[in-house]
């Protein structure tokens, strides 16, 4: 399966967007003392207000997770990937992606 074509699927992006919005909401209300808080919140706001600006990259990064990639390879259906797996991966990459957007 071609992961790039799969990542550009509206269904796949919609599922990642839904889970990214959940994380963005949580990040927006996290403590100011959280490491890299400013960058994390900027990404949260960008995700909430203009998800299209970050969604393609977030989707591709989510698909690099070995567990998710294996599930997709077996089922060839991203909709069967549990939301918890997607949220875990988004949480894992959130700060890195936020800092990369700022050029840090």
C-alpha atoms as a PDB file:
ATOM      1  CA  UNK A   1       0.000   0.000   0.000  1.00  0.00           C
ATOM      2  CA  UNK A   2       1.307   3.441  -0.919  1.00  0.00           C
ATOM      3  CA  UNK A   3       1.334   5.371   2.383  1.00  0.00           C
ATOM      4  CA  UNK A   4       1.520   8.764   0.638  1.00  0.00           C
ATOM      5  CA  UNK A   5      -1.676   8.152  -1.324  1.00  0.00           C
ATOM      6  CA  UNK A   6      -3.253   6.746   1.819  1.00  0.00           C
ATOM      7  CA  UNK A   7      -2.197   9.815   3.866  1.00  0.00           C
ATOM      8  CA  UNK A   8      -3.930  12.106   1.379  1.00  0.00           C
ATOM      9  CA  UNK A   9      -7.242  10.256   1.700  1.00  0.00           C
ATOM     10  CA  UNK A  10     -10.026  12.518   3.047  1.00  0.00           C
ATOM     11  CA  UNK A  11     -11.180   9.746   5.406  1.00  0.00           C
ATOM     12  CA  UNK A  12      -7.710   9.311   6.873  1.00  0.00           C
ATOM     13  CA  UNK A  13      -7.156  13.052   7.247  1.00  0.00           C
ATOM     14  CA  UNK A  14     -10.579  13.465   8.844  1.00  0.00           C
ATOM     15  CA  UNK A  15      -9.779  10.854  11.492  1.00  0.00           C
ATOM     16  CA  UNK A  16      -6.390  12.415  12.242  1.00  0.00           C
ATOM     17  CA  UNK A  17      -7.993  15.873  12.372  1.00  0.00           C
ATOM     18  CA  UNK A  18     -10.608  14.709  14.883  1.00  0.00           C
ATOM     19  CA  UNK A  19      -7.915  13.285  17.147  1.00  0.00           C
ATOM     20  CA  UNK A  20      -5.659  16.311  16.664  1.00  0.00           C
ATOM     21  CA  UNK A  21      -8.512  18.567  17.782  1.00  0.00           C
ATOM     22  CA  UNK A  22      -8.892  16.550  20.973  1.00  0.00           C
ATOM     23  CA  UNK A  23      -5.189  16.955  21.692  1.00  0.00           C
ATOM     24  CA  UNK A  24      -5.228  20.648  20.694  1.00  0.00           C
ATOM     25  CA  UNK A  25      -8.016  21.313  23.189  1.00  0.00           C
ATOM     26  CA  UNK A  26      -6.006  19.638  25.951  1.00  0.00           C
ATOM     27  CA  UNK A  27      -2.786  21.449  25.033  1.00  0.00           C
ATOM     28  CA  UNK A  28      -4.553  24.827  24.948  1.00  0.00           C
ATOM     29  CA  UNK A  29      -5.524  24.375  28.585  1.00  0.00           C
ATOM     30  CA  UNK A  30      -2.259  22.917  29.871  1.00  0.00           C
ATOM     31  CA  UNK A  31      -0.133  24.673  32.472  1.00  0.00           C
ATOM     32  CA  UNK A  32       2.076  27.557  31.363  1.00  0.00           C
ATOM     33  CA  UNK A  33       4.947  25.728  33.060  1.00  0.00           C
ATOM     34  CA  UNK A  34       4.797  22.839  30.576  1.00  0.00           C
ATOM     35  CA  UNK A  35       8.034  22.544  28.603  1.00  0.00           C
ATOM     36  CA  UNK A  36       7.768  24.354  25.239  1.00  0.00           C
ATOM     37  CA  UNK A  37       4.286  25.566  26.196  1.00  0.00           C
ATOM     38  CA  UNK A  38       4.256  28.555  23.834  1.00  0.00           C
ATOM     39  CA  UNK A  39       5.141  26.477  20.772  1.00  0.00           C
ATOM     40  CA  UNK A  40       2.708  23.731  21.795  1.00  0.00           C
ATOM     41  CA  UNK A  41      -0.148  26.199  22.223  1.00  0.00           C
ATOM     42  CA  UNK A  42       0.622  27.907  18.910  1.00  0.00           C
ATOM     43  CA  UNK A  43       0.285  24.522  17.195  1.00  0.00           C
ATOM     44  CA  UNK A  44      -2.922  23.845  19.124  1.00  0.00           C
ATOM     45  CA  UNK A  45      -4.419  27.144  17.952  1.00  0.00           C
ATOM     46  CA  UNK A  46      -3.290  26.527  14.372  1.00  0.00           C
ATOM     47  CA  UNK A  47      -4.896  23.095  14.501  1.00  0.00           C
ATOM     48  CA  UNK A  48      -8.159  24.467  15.885  1.00  0.00           C
ATOM     49  CA  UNK A  49      -8.445  27.457  13.573  1.00  0.00           C
ATOM     50  CA  UNK A  50      -6.815  26.262  10.356  1.00  0.00           C
ATOM     51  CA  UNK A  51      -6.263  22.533  10.503  1.00  0.00           C
ATOM     52  CA  UNK A  52      -5.571  22.412   6.779  1.00  0.00           C
ATOM     53  CA  UNK A  53      -2.252  24.153   7.404  1.00  0.00           C
ATOM     54  CA  UNK A  54      -0.918  21.324   9.569  1.00  0.00           C
ATOM     55  CA  UNK A  55      -3.075  18.306   8.793  1.00  0.00           C
ATOM     56  CA  UNK A  56      -1.150  16.858   5.819  1.00  0.00           C
ATOM     57  CA  UNK A  57       2.116  16.744   7.763  1.00  0.00           C
ATOM     58  CA  UNK A  58       0.497  15.476  10.968  1.00  0.00           C
ATOM     59  CA  UNK A  59      -1.212  12.693   9.020  1.00  0.00           C
ATOM     60  CA  UNK A  60       2.041  11.575   7.419  1.00  0.00           C
ATOM     61  CA  UNK A  61       3.807  11.631  10.777  1.00  0.00           C
ATOM     62  CA  UNK A  62       1.041   9.582  12.397  1.00  0.00           C
ATOM     63  CA  UNK A  63       1.415   6.975   9.662  1.00  0.00           C
ATOM     64  CA  UNK A  64       5.120   6.556  10.552  1.00  0.00           C
ATOM     65  CA  UNK A  65       4.140   4.994  13.878  1.00  0.00           C
ATOM     66  CA  UNK A  66       5.045   1.304  13.615  1.00  0.00           C
ATOM     67  CA  UNK A  67       1.871   0.038  15.314  1.00  0.00           C
ATOM     68  CA  UNK A  68      -0.376   2.179  13.142  1.00  0.00           C
ATOM     69  CA  UNK A  69       1.537   1.334   9.972  1.00  0.00           C
ATOM     70  CA  UNK A  70       1.289  -2.379  10.755  1.00  0.00           C
ATOM     71  CA  UNK A  71      -2.448  -2.128  11.367  1.00  0.00           C
ATOM     72  CA  UNK A  72      -2.911  -0.278   8.086  1.00  0.00           C
ATOM     73  CA  UNK A  73      -0.796  -2.838   6.201  1.00  0.00           C
ATOM     74  CA  UNK A  74      -2.909  -5.691   7.547  1.00  0.00           C
ATOM     75  CA  UNK A  75      -6.391  -4.181   7.323  1.00  0.00           C
ATOM     76  CA  UNK A  76      -5.745  -1.583   4.610  1.00  0.00           C
ATOM     77  CA  UNK A  77      -8.300   0.482   6.495  1.00  0.00           C
ATOM     78  CA  UNK A  78      -7.209   3.385   8.657  1.00  0.00           C
ATOM     79  CA  UNK A  79     -10.698   3.729  10.113  1.00  0.00           C
ATOM     80  CA  UNK A  80     -10.051   0.526  12.086  1.00  0.00           C
ATOM     81  CA  UNK A  81      -7.036   2.086  13.844  1.00  0.00           C
ATOM     82  CA  UNK A  82      -8.110   2.910  17.411  1.00  0.00           C
ATOM     83  CA  UNK A  83      -8.381   6.604  18.241  1.00  0.00           C
ATOM     84  CA  UNK A  84      -6.214   5.938  21.298  1.00  0.00           C
ATOM     85  CA  UNK A  85      -3.316   4.840  19.066  1.00  0.00           C
ATOM     86  CA  UNK A  86      -3.646   7.983  16.960  1.00  0.00           C
ATOM     87  CA  UNK A  87      -3.874  10.223  20.023  1.00  0.00           C
ATOM     88  CA  UNK A  88      -0.811   8.535  21.532  1.00  0.00           C
ATOM     89  CA  UNK A  89       1.206   9.175  18.376  1.00  0.00           C
ATOM     90  CA  UNK A  90       0.008  12.777  18.111  1.00  0.00           C
ATOM     91  CA  UNK A  91       0.989  13.345  21.738  1.00  0.00           C
ATOM     92  CA  UNK A  92       4.394  11.829  21.038  1.00  0.00           C
ATOM     93  CA  UNK A  93       5.132  14.141  18.119  1.00  0.00           C
ATOM     94  CA  UNK A  94       3.295  17.312  19.204  1.00  0.00           C
ATOM     95  CA  UNK A  95       6.233  19.201  20.741  1.00  0.00           C
ATOM     96  CA  UNK A  96       8.666  18.160  17.997  1.00  0.00           C
ATOM     97  CA  UNK A  97       6.238  19.272  15.306  1.00  0.00           C
ATOM     98  CA  UNK A  98       5.423  22.506  17.139  1.00  0.00           C
ATOM     99  CA  UNK A  99       9.117  23.409  17.426  1.00  0.00           C
ATOM    100  CA  UNK A 100       9.773  22.487  13.797  1.00  0.00           C
ATOM    101  CA  UNK A 101       6.999  24.858  12.679  1.00  0.00           C
ATOM    102  CA  UNK A 102       8.764  27.659  14.537  1.00  0.00           C
ATOM    103  CA  UNK A 103      12.143  26.725  13.099  1.00  0.00           C
ATOM    104  CA  UNK A 104      13.493  25.949  16.580  1.00  0.00           C
END
